[in-house]
Structure formats: structure tokens, C-alpha cells
C-alpha atoms as a PDB file:
ATOM      1  CA  MET A   1      32.720  -7.455  80.514  1.00  0.00           C
ATOM      2  CA  GLU A   2      35.077  -8.271  77.776  1.00  0.00           C
ATOM      3  CA  ASN A   3      34.702  -7.308  74.281  1.00  0.00           C
ATOM      4  CA  THR A   4      34.252 -10.393  72.214  1.00  0.00           C
ATOM      5  CA  ILE A   5      34.797 -10.380  68.487  1.00  0.00           C
ATOM      6  CA  LEU A   6      32.661 -12.737  66.655  1.00  0.00           C
ATOM      7  CA  VAL A   7      34.407 -14.598  63.891  1.00  0.00           C
ATOM      8  CA  ASN A   8      32.661 -16.032  60.851  1.00  0.00           C
ATOM      9  CA  LYS A   9      34.541 -19.376  60.628  1.00  0.00           C
ATOM     10  CA  VAL A  10      32.563 -20.292  57.609  1.00  0.00           C
ATOM     11  CA  ALA A  11      33.623 -17.222  55.721  1.00  0.00           C
ATOM     12  CA  GLU A  12      37.308 -17.663  56.694  1.00  0.00           C
ATOM     13  CA  SER A  13      37.254 -21.564  55.861  1.00  0.00           C
ATOM     14  CA  GLY A  14      38.183 -21.064  52.277  1.00  0.00           C
ATOM     15  CA  ILE A  15      35.142 -23.164  51.208  1.00  0.00           C
ATOM     16  CA  ILE A  16      33.784 -22.400  47.838  1.00  0.00           C
ATOM     17  CA  THR A  17      29.954 -22.748  47.360  1.00  0.00           C
ATOM     18  CA  ILE A  18      28.381 -23.567  44.125  1.00  0.00           C
ATOM     19  CA  ASN A  19      24.699 -22.846  43.863  1.00  0.00           C
ATOM     20  CA  LEU A  20      23.201 -24.817  40.860  1.00  0.00           C
ATOM     21  CA  GLU A  21      20.055 -22.649  41.138  1.00  0.00           C
ATOM     22  CA  GLU A  22      22.178 -19.614  39.694  1.00  0.00           C
ATOM     23  CA  PHE A  23      22.181 -21.634  36.420  1.00  0.00           C
ATOM     24  CA  PHE A  24      18.389 -22.153  36.235  1.00  0.00           C
ATOM     25  CA  PRO A  25      16.799 -20.904  33.191  1.00  0.00           C
ATOM     26  CA  LYS A  26      15.866 -17.120  33.452  1.00  0.00           C
ATOM     27  CA  HIS A  27      13.032 -17.344  30.828  1.00  0.00           C
ATOM     28  CA  GLU A  28       9.475 -18.693  31.597  1.00  0.00           C
ATOM     29  CA  PHE A  29       8.225 -22.097  30.237  1.00  0.00           C
ATOM     30  CA  ALA A  30       5.315 -22.478  28.022  1.00  0.00           C
ATOM     31  CA  VAL A  31       3.878 -25.771  26.861  1.00  0.00           C
ATOM     32  CA  PHE A  32       2.706 -26.454  23.220  1.00  0.00           C
ATOM     33  CA  ASP A  33       0.484 -29.608  23.546  1.00  0.00           C
ATOM     34  CA  ILE A  34      -0.143 -31.360  20.134  1.00  0.00           C
ATOM     35  CA  LYS A  35      -3.167 -33.089  21.803  1.00  0.00           C
ATOM     36  CA  GLU A  36      -5.204 -29.912  21.144  1.00  0.00           C
ATOM     37  CA  TYR A  37      -4.869 -30.381  17.418  1.00  0.00           C
ATOM     38  CA  LEU A  38      -5.580 -34.100  17.030  1.00  0.00           C
ATOM     39  CA  TYR A  39      -8.668 -35.263  15.040  1.00  0.00           C
ATOM     40  CA  LEU A  40     -10.834 -37.305  17.291  1.00  0.00           C
ATOM     41  CA  GLY A  41      -8.066 -37.423  19.864  1.00  0.00           C
ATOM     42  CA  LEU A  42      -5.999 -39.770  17.742  1.00  0.00           C
ATOM     43  CA  ILE A  43      -4.594 -38.404  14.592  1.00  0.00           C
ATOM     44  CA  LEU A  44      -3.105 -35.280  13.267  1.00  0.00           C
ATOM     45  CA  LYS A  45      -4.275 -34.099   9.796  1.00  0.00           C
ATOM     46  CA  GLU A  46      -1.570 -32.116   7.918  1.00  0.00           C
ATOM     47  CA  LYS A  47      -3.847 -29.611   6.338  1.00  0.00           C
ATOM     48  CA  GLU A  48      -5.815 -28.682   9.368  1.00  0.00           C
ATOM     49  CA  PHE A  49      -2.676 -28.580  11.499  1.00  0.00           C
ATOM     50  CA  ARG A  50      -0.845 -26.099   9.129  1.00  0.00           C
ATOM     51  CA  GLU A  51      -3.942 -23.969   9.194  1.00  0.00           C
ATOM     52  CA  ALA A  52      -3.984 -23.955  13.052  1.00  0.00           C
ATOM     53  CA  LEU A  53      -0.314 -23.089  13.194  1.00  0.00           C
ATOM     54  CA  LYS A  54      -1.033 -20.050  10.813  1.00  0.00           C
ATOM     55  CA  ASN A  55      -3.713 -18.930  13.272  1.00  0.00           C
ATOM     56  CA  LEU A  56      -1.829 -19.617  16.438  1.00  0.00           C
ATOM     57  CA  SER A  57      -1.635 -16.746  18.970  1.00  0.00           C
ATOM     58  CA  LEU A  58       2.299 -16.381  18.905  1.00  0.00           C
ATOM     59  CA  THR A  59       2.188 -14.027  21.980  1.00  0.00           C
ATOM     60  CA  LEU A  60       1.678 -17.036  24.125  1.00  0.00           C
ATOM     61  CA  PHE A  61       5.211 -18.166  23.300  1.00  0.00           C
ATOM     62  CA  SER A  62       7.050 -14.927  22.912  1.00  0.00           C
ATOM     63  CA  ASP A  63      10.534 -15.060  24.492  1.00  0.00           C
ATOM     64  CA  LYS A  64       9.628 -18.347  26.388  1.00  0.00           C
ATOM     65  CA  ILE A  65      11.100 -21.752  26.441  1.00  0.00           C
ATOM     66  CA  VAL A  66       8.518 -23.703  24.623  1.00  0.00           C
ATOM     67  CA  LEU A  67       8.153 -27.420  25.495  1.00  0.00           C
ATOM     68  CA  VAL A  68       6.524 -29.364  22.589  1.00  0.00           C
ATOM     69  CA  ILE A  69       4.639 -32.424  24.016  1.00  0.00           C
ATOM     70  CA  CYS A  70       1.668 -34.581  23.299  1.00  0.00           C
ATOM     71  CA  SER A  71      -0.174 -35.589  26.399  1.00  0.00           C
ATOM     72  CA  ALA A  72      -2.387 -37.846  24.509  1.00  0.00           C
ATOM     73  CA  ASP A  73      -1.502 -41.500  23.596  1.00  0.00           C
ATOM     74  CA  ALA A  74      -1.000 -40.845  19.910  1.00  0.00           C
ATOM     75  CA  ILE A  75       1.473 -41.370  17.352  1.00  0.00           C
ATOM     76  CA  ILE A  76       2.714 -38.032  16.145  1.00  0.00           C
ATOM     77  CA  PRO A  77       4.406 -37.774  12.669  1.00  0.00           C
ATOM     78  CA  LEU A  78       7.818 -36.186  12.741  1.00  0.00           C
ATOM     79  CA  TRP A  79       6.851 -33.409  10.401  1.00  0.00           C
ATOM     80  CA  ALA A  80       4.522 -32.082  13.189  1.00  0.00           C
ATOM     81  CA  TYR A  81       7.522 -31.333  15.362  1.00  0.00           C
ATOM     82  CA  MET A  82       9.298 -29.641  12.418  1.00  0.00           C
ATOM     83  CA  LEU A  83       6.350 -27.504  11.622  1.00  0.00           C
ATOM     84  CA  ILE A  84       5.915 -26.364  15.202  1.00  0.00           C
ATOM     85  CA  ASN A  85       9.741 -25.502  15.393  1.00  0.00           C
ATOM     86  CA  ASN A  86       9.566 -23.624  12.143  1.00  0.00           C
ATOM     87  CA  CYS A  87       6.472 -21.758  13.365  1.00  0.00           C
ATOM     88  CA  LEU A  88       7.917 -20.656  16.602  1.00  0.00           C
ATOM     89  CA  THR A  89      11.547 -19.936  15.396  1.00  0.00           C
ATOM     90  CA  GLY A  90      12.192 -16.148  16.044  1.00  0.00           C
ATOM     91  CA  VAL A  91       9.283 -16.025  18.447  1.00  0.00           C
ATOM     92  CA  ALA A  92      10.313 -18.429  21.278  1.00  0.00           C
ATOM     93  CA  TYR A  93      13.521 -18.004  23.249  1.00  0.00           C
ATOM     94  CA  ASP A  94      14.116 -21.694  22.921  1.00  0.00           C
ATOM     95  CA  ILE A  95      12.076 -24.755  21.571  1.00  0.00           C
ATOM     96  CA  TYR A  96      12.499 -28.120  22.898  1.00  0.00           C
ATOM     97  CA  THR A  97      10.633 -31.477  22.221  1.00  0.00           C
ATOM     98  CA  GLY A  98      10.102 -32.794  25.558  1.00  0.00           C
ATOM     99  CA  THR A  99       9.164 -32.174  29.286  1.00  0.00           C
ATOM    100  CA  GLU A 100      10.479 -29.472  31.526  1.00  0.00           C
ATOM    101  CA  GLU A 101      12.394 -32.116  33.435  1.00  0.00           C
ATOM    102  CA  GLU A 102      14.033 -33.354  30.179  1.00  0.00           C
ATOM    103  CA  TYR A 103      14.837 -29.867  28.986  1.00  0.00           C
ATOM    104  CA  LEU A 104      16.531 -28.982  32.501  1.00  0.00           C
ATOM    105  CA  LYS A 105      18.688 -32.120  32.098  1.00  0.00           C
ATOM    106  CA  VAL A 106      20.041 -31.105  28.767  1.00  0.00           C
ATOM    107  CA  HIS A 107      20.264 -27.394  29.992  1.00  0.00           C
ATOM    108  CA  TYR A 108      22.395 -28.201  33.101  1.00  0.00           C
ATOM    109  CA  ARG A 109      24.496 -30.481  30.989  1.00  0.00           C
ATOM    110  CA  GLU A 110      25.340 -27.818  28.469  1.00  0.00           C
ATOM    111  CA  VAL A 111      25.832 -25.062  31.162  1.00  0.00           C
ATOM    112  CA  LEU A 112      28.124 -27.365  33.495  1.00  0.00           C
ATOM    113  CA  GLN A 113      30.183 -28.454  30.357  1.00  0.00           C
ATOM    114  CA  ARG A 114      31.116 -24.745  29.560  1.00  0.00           C
ATOM    115  CA  THR A 115      32.928 -24.345  33.006  1.00  0.00           C
ATOM    116  CA  ASP A 116      36.755 -24.741  33.533  1.00  0.00           C
ATOM    117  CA  TYR A 117      36.985 -26.841  36.479  1.00  0.00           C
ATOM    118  CA  LYS A 118      40.778 -26.246  36.803  1.00  0.00           C
ATOM    119  CA  GLN A 119      39.779 -23.186  38.908  1.00  0.00           C
ATOM    120  CA  TYR A 120      38.721 -25.646  41.638  1.00  0.00           C
ATOM    121  CA  GLN A 121      41.994 -27.488  41.842  1.00  0.00           C
ATOM    122  CA  ASP A 122      42.663 -28.584  45.475  1.00  0.00           C
ATOM    123  CA  GLN A 123      39.673 -26.545  46.613  1.00  0.00           C
ATOM    124  CA  ARG A 124      37.116 -27.457  49.201  1.00  0.00           C
ATOM    125  CA  ILE A 125      33.625 -27.239  47.492  1.00  0.00           C
ATOM    126  CA  VAL A 126      30.133 -27.143  48.810  1.00  0.00           C
ATOM    127  CA  ILE A 127      27.281 -27.915  46.385  1.00  0.00           C
ATOM    128  CA  LYS A 128      24.443 -25.938  47.773  1.00  0.00           C
ATOM    129  CA  GLY A 129      21.564 -28.132  48.650  1.00  0.00           C
ATOM    130  CA  CYS A 130      18.665 -25.922  49.460  1.00  0.00           C
ATOM    131  CA  SER A 131      16.831 -24.715  46.256  1.00  0.00           C
ATOM    132  CA  ASN A 132      13.685 -22.887  45.683  1.00  0.00           C
ATOM    133  CA  LYS A 133      13.686 -23.992  41.931  1.00  0.00           C
ATOM    134  CA  PRO A 134      13.444 -27.497  40.605  1.00  0.00           C
ATOM    135  CA  VAL A 135      17.102 -28.158  39.878  1.00  0.00           C
ATOM    136  CA  PRO A 136      17.121 -31.840  38.624  1.00  0.00           C
ATOM    137  CA  SER A 137      19.158 -34.459  40.627  1.00  0.00           C
ATOM    138  CA  TYR A 138      20.968 -35.019  37.338  1.00  0.00           C
ATOM    139  CA  ALA A 139      22.856 -31.785  37.815  1.00  0.00           C
ATOM    140  CA  TYR A 140      24.149 -32.431  41.175  1.00  0.00           C
ATOM    141  CA  ALA A 141      25.544 -35.825  40.186  1.00  0.00           C
ATOM    142  CA  TYR A 142      26.898 -34.569  36.964  1.00  0.00           C
ATOM    143  CA  LEU A 143      28.608 -31.680  38.702  1.00  0.00           C
ATOM    144  CA  THR A 144      30.087 -34.002  41.230  1.00  0.00           C
ATOM    145  CA  SER A 145      31.651 -36.037  38.390  1.00  0.00           C
ATOM    146  CA  LEU A 146      33.078 -32.868  36.838  1.00  0.00           C
ATOM    147  CA  LEU A 147      34.608 -31.506  39.997  1.00  0.00           C
ATOM    148  CA  ARG A 148      36.065 -34.740  41.322  1.00  0.00           C
ATOM    149  CA  PRO A 149      39.231 -34.852  39.268  1.00  0.00           C
ATOM    150  CA  PHE A 150      40.055 -31.412  40.592  1.00  0.00           C
ATOM    151  CA  ALA A 151      38.540 -30.798  43.996  1.00  0.00           C
ATOM    152  CA  GLN A 152      40.146 -31.562  47.394  1.00  0.00           C
ATOM    153  CA  SER A 153      36.721 -32.177  48.872  1.00  0.00           C
ATOM    154  CA  ILE A 154      33.056 -32.120  47.732  1.00  0.00           C
ATOM    155  CA  MET A 155      30.335 -31.654  50.167  1.00  0.00           C
ATOM    156  CA  PHE A 156      26.507 -31.160  49.804  1.00  0.00           C
ATOM    157  CA  GLY A 157      24.442 -28.777  51.809  1.00  0.00           C
ATOM    158  CA  GLU A 158      25.470 -25.532  53.298  1.00  0.00           C
ATOM    159  CA  PRO A 159      28.962 -24.431  54.404  1.00  0.00           C
ATOM    160  CA  CYS A 160      27.700 -24.636  58.278  1.00  0.00           C
ATOM    161  CA  SER A 161      26.081 -28.104  57.733  1.00  0.00           C
ATOM    162  CA  THR A 162      27.428 -30.449  55.047  1.00  0.00           C
ATOM    163  CA  VAL A 163      27.244 -33.926  53.886  1.00  0.00           C
ATOM    164  CA  PRO A 164      30.748 -35.263  52.749  1.00  0.00           C
ATOM    165  CA  ILE A 165      30.564 -36.609  49.264  1.00  0.00           C
ATOM    166  CA  PHE A 166      34.147 -36.898  48.211  1.00  0.00           C
ATOM    167  CA  LYS A 167      37.552 -36.283  49.926  1.00  0.00           C
ATOM    168  CA  ARG A 168      40.882 -36.814  47.952  1.00  0.00           C
ATOM    169  CA  PRO A 169      43.217 -38.945  50.089  1.00  0.00           C
ATOM    170  CA  ARG A 170      46.323 -37.303  51.267  1.00  0.00           C
ATOM    171  CA  THR A 171      49.508 -38.343  49.720  1.00  0.00           C
ATOM    172  CA  PHE A 172      52.772 -38.157  51.753  1.00  0.00           C
ATOM    173  CA  GLN A 173      55.968 -37.452  49.987  1.00  0.00           C
ATOM    174  CA  SER A 174      58.979 -39.480  51.289  1.00  0.00           C
ATOM    175  CA  HIS A 175      62.232 -37.555  51.615  1.00  0.00           C
END
């Protein structure tokens, strides 16, 4: 029986894998729902709201990404968002007015803009597809647009099973 050496062709292929899940926020999310402070479920009274913020249990928001929303169909005065932000600054890790999905879009845009994509010049890239965290579809599309001017090819999935997204046409030089 011959000794057979198994070769990991994926490892030797030179394909670079980018896993967007690695950029997912490390801090937990907490929701501050203004609905809980509405009078008759319709309006926000300034005096009562200020008092409620003074008595707010800040430990619920400590070192978390706080998403400020209003799940009720009510018109919320802009000063309310300012008061909430002022109350939670120094307590929360981050404060965002909007949903988790909206926060993640902004987060991924900021993270992806900080990368120098020249390092991917003429490289074959796989954007990892299987994710255990809710990476927004926006992040995949935005990363593709940022990589396209540099990458030789962009694929989606796993190195062993990919969907081709982009391949730079070969250019032949004449002598």
C-alpha cells in the first residue's frame, strides 16, 4: 500500500477569505423604547420625562449599544432624543437612534471604510457566507464595491464551494 500525502488545495490556492462576522459589534444591544414614557400612549410630557430619566436604572444600559426607538405611533419631539443621549453618555458604550438593523448598516460602513483595500490588489477573495450573527446584506454588497477596483476575483461562500461574483478580465500585452 502506497503512502499517500493529502494536500489541502484550498490552503495552497492563495485565496484570501474575509469573514464579515469578525467585524460584528462585540458589545450587547439594549433598547430604550420611548413608548414606555408616553402619556396616554400619545405624547411625551417634558417634566415627567426628565424626572423618569433621573430615576432610570442606568445599569440596564451600562457598556451596551443602546438603540433608542419608539415602538408606538407617536410624534416624538427632537429634544427627547437629546435628553436620552445626554442621560446615557458615559454609561452606554454607544447610543444610536434607530433599530439594530439600521445601526449595523452604519457600523459596517464605518468599519469597512477604515480598511486599506490596496492590500487586496490582484488577489482572489472569498467573502465568507455562513454567518451565525445577523450581518446585514448591505455589508456584503458594500464590501464587494470596495474590493472590486483591486481584486482579481471576488467570490461568495467558502473556499471549497463558492459563487463567483466578479472576475477581472485578463489583459494581454502585445509585443
